[in-house]
């Protein structure tokens, strides 16, 4: 579980900072080595990430539901 306390989980920069503080060396290098406008830490980037995750989860749920229905159809006879 997360040991650090976030003021609000929609604060994207706090989530990035938390990942770095918890030892994500790749993210830390990315943040430290790139100019501020090339770090992909803006609100727009956060929203794009959330939209992509939402789409991925929705597709995964659809695939899972299809597989379950197929199993019941195949083995439920």
N, C-alpha and C. Protein backbone atom coordinates (compact mmCIF):
# COMPACT_ATOMS: atom_id res chain seq x y z
N UNK A 1 0.83 -1.19 0.00
CA UNK A 1 0.00 0.00 0.00
C UNK A 1 0.87 1.25 0.00
N UNK A 2 0.26 2.34 -0.39
CA UNK A 2 0.99 3.61 -0.42
C UNK A 2 1.16 4.11 1.01
N UNK A 3 2.40 4.41 1.35
CA UNK A 3 2.68 4.88 2.70
C UNK A 3 2.54 6.40 2.80
N UNK A 4 2.80 7.09 1.68
CA UNK A 4 2.72 8.55 1.69
C UNK A 4 1.26 8.98 1.59
N UNK A 5 0.97 10.12 2.13
CA UNK A 5 -0.39 10.63 2.11
C UNK A 5 -0.49 11.73 1.05
N UNK A 6 -1.36 11.51 0.07
CA UNK A 6 -1.55 12.51 -0.97
C UNK A 6 -2.70 13.44 -0.60
N UNK A 7 -2.57 14.74 -0.88
CA UNK A 7 -3.67 15.64 -0.57
C UNK A 7 -4.89 15.34 -1.43
N UNK A 8 -4.69 14.89 -2.66
CA UNK A 8 -5.79 14.55 -3.54
C UNK A 8 -5.21 13.76 -4.70
N UNK A 9 -5.81 12.65 -5.04
CA UNK A 9 -5.21 11.76 -6.04
C UNK A 9 -5.26 12.31 -7.45
N UNK A 10 -6.00 13.39 -7.69
CA UNK A 10 -5.99 13.96 -9.04
C UNK A 10 -4.84 14.93 -9.23
N UNK A 11 -4.03 15.13 -8.23
CA UNK A 11 -2.86 15.98 -8.38
C UNK A 11 -1.74 15.14 -9.00
N UNK A 12 -1.68 15.20 -10.30
CA UNK A 12 -0.78 14.37 -11.09
C UNK A 12 0.69 14.54 -10.68
N UNK A 13 1.11 15.77 -10.46
CA UNK A 13 2.51 16.01 -10.09
C UNK A 13 2.86 15.34 -8.77
N UNK A 14 1.91 15.28 -7.84
CA UNK A 14 2.16 14.59 -6.56
C UNK A 14 2.32 13.09 -6.77
N UNK A 15 1.56 12.52 -7.71
CA UNK A 15 1.71 11.10 -8.00
C UNK A 15 3.07 10.81 -8.62
N UNK A 16 3.52 11.70 -9.49
CA UNK A 16 4.84 11.53 -10.10
C UNK A 16 5.92 11.63 -9.03
N UNK A 17 5.80 12.64 -8.19
CA UNK A 17 6.77 12.81 -7.10
C UNK A 17 6.79 11.59 -6.19
N UNK A 18 5.63 11.04 -5.88
CA UNK A 18 5.54 9.85 -5.04
C UNK A 18 6.26 8.67 -5.68
N UNK A 19 6.08 8.48 -6.99
CA UNK A 19 6.77 7.40 -7.69
C UNK A 19 8.28 7.57 -7.60
N UNK A 20 8.76 8.79 -7.77
CA UNK A 20 10.19 9.05 -7.68
C UNK A 20 10.69 8.80 -6.27
N UNK A 21 9.95 9.27 -5.27
CA UNK A 21 10.35 9.07 -3.88
C UNK A 21 10.36 7.60 -3.48
N UNK A 22 9.54 6.80 -4.16
CA UNK A 22 9.49 5.37 -3.87
C UNK A 22 10.44 4.55 -4.73
N UNK A 23 11.38 5.24 -5.39
CA UNK A 23 12.46 4.53 -6.03
C UNK A 23 12.35 4.28 -7.52
N UNK A 24 11.46 4.95 -8.23
CA UNK A 24 11.36 4.77 -9.68
C UNK A 24 12.50 5.55 -10.34
N UNK A 25 13.61 4.88 -10.58
CA UNK A 25 14.82 5.52 -11.11
C UNK A 25 14.64 5.99 -12.55
N UNK A 26 13.90 5.23 -13.35
CA UNK A 26 13.69 5.63 -14.74
C UNK A 26 12.90 6.93 -14.81
N UNK A 27 11.84 7.02 -14.02
CA UNK A 27 11.04 8.24 -13.98
C UNK A 27 11.86 9.40 -13.43
N UNK A 28 12.65 9.14 -12.41
CA UNK A 28 13.49 10.19 -11.82
C UNK A 28 14.48 10.73 -12.85
N UNK A 29 15.12 9.85 -13.60
CA UNK A 29 16.04 10.29 -14.65
C UNK A 29 15.32 11.11 -15.71
N UNK A 30 14.13 10.66 -16.10
CA UNK A 30 13.35 11.38 -17.11
C UNK A 30 13.03 12.79 -16.64
N UNK A 31 12.58 12.92 -15.40
CA UNK A 31 12.23 14.23 -14.85
C UNK A 31 13.46 15.12 -14.73
N UNK A 32 14.56 14.57 -14.27
CA UNK A 32 15.76 15.38 -14.04
C UNK A 32 16.52 15.73 -15.31
N UNK A 33 16.43 14.93 -16.36
CA UNK A 33 17.24 15.14 -17.55
C UNK A 33 16.53 15.88 -18.67
N UNK A 34 15.23 16.07 -18.56
CA UNK A 34 14.48 16.73 -19.63
C UNK A 34 14.00 18.10 -19.20
N UNK A 35 13.94 19.03 -20.18
CA UNK A 35 13.40 20.35 -19.84
C UNK A 35 11.94 20.24 -19.39
N UNK A 36 11.48 21.21 -18.65
CA UNK A 36 10.13 21.16 -18.06
C UNK A 36 9.05 20.95 -19.12
N UNK A 37 9.23 21.49 -20.32
CA UNK A 37 8.20 21.35 -21.34
C UNK A 37 8.28 20.01 -22.07
N UNK A 38 9.22 19.15 -21.69
CA UNK A 38 9.35 17.83 -22.33
C UNK A 38 9.22 16.69 -21.32
N UNK A 39 8.64 16.96 -20.17
CA UNK A 39 8.53 15.94 -19.13
C UNK A 39 7.18 15.23 -19.17
N UNK A 40 6.23 15.74 -19.91
CA UNK A 40 4.89 15.16 -20.01
C UNK A 40 4.22 15.09 -18.64
N UNK A 41 4.32 16.16 -17.88
CA UNK A 41 3.72 16.21 -16.55
C UNK A 41 2.60 17.26 -16.47
N UNK A 42 2.16 17.76 -17.61
CA UNK A 42 1.11 18.79 -17.61
C UNK A 42 -0.27 18.18 -17.36
N UNK A 43 -1.26 19.04 -17.15
CA UNK A 43 -2.63 18.57 -16.98
C UNK A 43 -3.11 17.85 -18.23
N UNK A 44 -2.71 18.36 -19.40
CA UNK A 44 -3.10 17.72 -20.65
C UNK A 44 -2.55 16.30 -20.72
N UNK A 45 -1.28 16.13 -20.36
CA UNK A 45 -0.68 14.79 -20.37
C UNK A 45 -1.37 13.87 -19.37
N UNK A 46 -1.70 14.40 -18.21
CA UNK A 46 -2.40 13.59 -17.20
C UNK A 46 -3.76 13.15 -17.72
N UNK A 47 -4.50 14.07 -18.35
CA UNK A 47 -5.81 13.72 -18.90
C UNK A 47 -5.69 12.70 -20.02
N UNK A 48 -4.67 12.84 -20.86
CA UNK A 48 -4.47 11.88 -21.95
C UNK A 48 -4.15 10.50 -21.39
N UNK A 49 -3.34 10.45 -20.34
CA UNK A 49 -3.01 9.18 -19.70
C UNK A 49 -4.26 8.54 -19.10
N UNK A 50 -5.06 9.32 -18.41
CA UNK A 50 -6.29 8.80 -17.80
C UNK A 50 -7.26 8.29 -18.86
N UNK A 51 -7.38 9.01 -19.96
CA UNK A 51 -8.26 8.57 -21.05
C UNK A 51 -7.76 7.26 -21.65
N UNK A 52 -6.44 7.16 -21.84
CA UNK A 52 -5.87 5.92 -22.39
C UNK A 52 -6.10 4.74 -21.45
N UNK A 53 -5.91 4.97 -20.16
CA UNK A 53 -6.14 3.92 -19.17
C UNK A 53 -7.61 3.51 -19.15
N UNK A 54 -8.51 4.48 -19.24
CA UNK A 54 -9.94 4.19 -19.26
C UNK A 54 -10.30 3.32 -20.47
N UNK A 55 -9.76 3.67 -21.63
CA UNK A 55 -10.00 2.89 -22.84
C UNK A 55 -9.44 1.48 -22.70
N UNK A 56 -8.24 1.37 -22.17
CA UNK A 56 -7.60 0.06 -21.99
C UNK A 56 -8.44 -0.82 -21.05
N UNK A 57 -8.87 -0.24 -19.94
CA UNK A 57 -9.67 -1.00 -18.97
C UNK A 57 -10.98 -1.44 -19.59
N UNK A 58 -11.64 -0.55 -20.31
CA UNK A 58 -12.91 -0.89 -20.95
C UNK A 58 -12.73 -2.03 -21.95
N UNK A 59 -11.67 -1.97 -22.74
CA UNK A 59 -11.41 -3.04 -23.72
C UNK A 59 -11.08 -4.35 -23.02
N UNK A 60 -10.29 -4.28 -21.95
CA UNK A 60 -9.91 -5.47 -21.21
C UNK A 60 -11.14 -6.12 -20.60
N UNK A 61 -12.04 -5.31 -20.03
CA UNK A 61 -13.27 -5.84 -19.46
C UNK A 61 -14.12 -6.51 -20.54
N UNK A 62 -14.20 -5.91 -21.72
CA UNK A 62 -14.98 -6.48 -22.82
C UNK A 62 -14.40 -7.82 -23.25
N UNK A 63 -13.09 -7.89 -23.38
CA UNK A 63 -12.43 -9.14 -23.76
C UNK A 63 -12.66 -10.20 -22.70
N UNK A 64 -12.52 -9.83 -21.44
CA UNK A 64 -12.73 -10.77 -20.33
C UNK A 64 -14.17 -11.30 -20.34
N UNK A 65 -15.13 -10.39 -20.51
CA UNK A 65 -16.54 -10.81 -20.55
C UNK A 65 -16.79 -11.77 -21.71
N UNK A 66 -16.20 -11.50 -22.86
CA UNK A 66 -16.35 -12.37 -24.02
C UNK A 66 -15.76 -13.75 -23.73
N UNK A 67 -14.58 -13.78 -23.12
CA UNK A 67 -13.94 -15.06 -22.80
C UNK A 67 -14.77 -15.86 -21.80
N UNK A 68 -15.32 -15.20 -20.80
CA UNK A 68 -16.16 -15.89 -19.82
C UNK A 68 -17.40 -16.45 -20.50
N UNK A 69 -18.06 -15.66 -21.33
CA UNK A 69 -19.26 -16.13 -22.03
C UNK A 69 -18.92 -17.31 -22.94
N UNK A 70 -17.75 -17.25 -23.59
CA UNK A 70 -17.33 -18.34 -24.47
C UNK A 70 -17.09 -19.62 -23.67
N UNK A 71 -16.49 -19.48 -22.49
CA UNK A 71 -16.25 -20.65 -21.65
C UNK A 71 -17.56 -21.29 -21.21
N UNK A 72 -18.50 -20.46 -20.76
CA UNK A 72 -19.80 -21.00 -20.34
C UNK A 72 -20.54 -21.64 -21.50
N UNK A 73 -20.45 -21.04 -22.68
CA UNK A 73 -21.12 -21.60 -23.84
C UNK A 73 -20.50 -22.94 -24.22
N UNK A 74 -19.17 -22.99 -24.19
CA UNK A 74 -18.45 -24.19 -24.60
C UNK A 74 -18.59 -25.33 -23.58
N UNK A 75 -18.40 -25.00 -22.32
CA UNK A 75 -18.42 -26.03 -21.27
C UNK A 75 -19.77 -26.19 -20.57
N UNK A 76 -20.69 -25.28 -20.83
CA UNK A 76 -21.95 -25.32 -20.13
C UNK A 76 -23.01 -26.15 -20.81
N UNK A 77 -22.67 -26.83 -21.86
CA UNK A 77 -23.66 -27.64 -22.59
C UNK A 77 -23.99 -28.90 -21.86
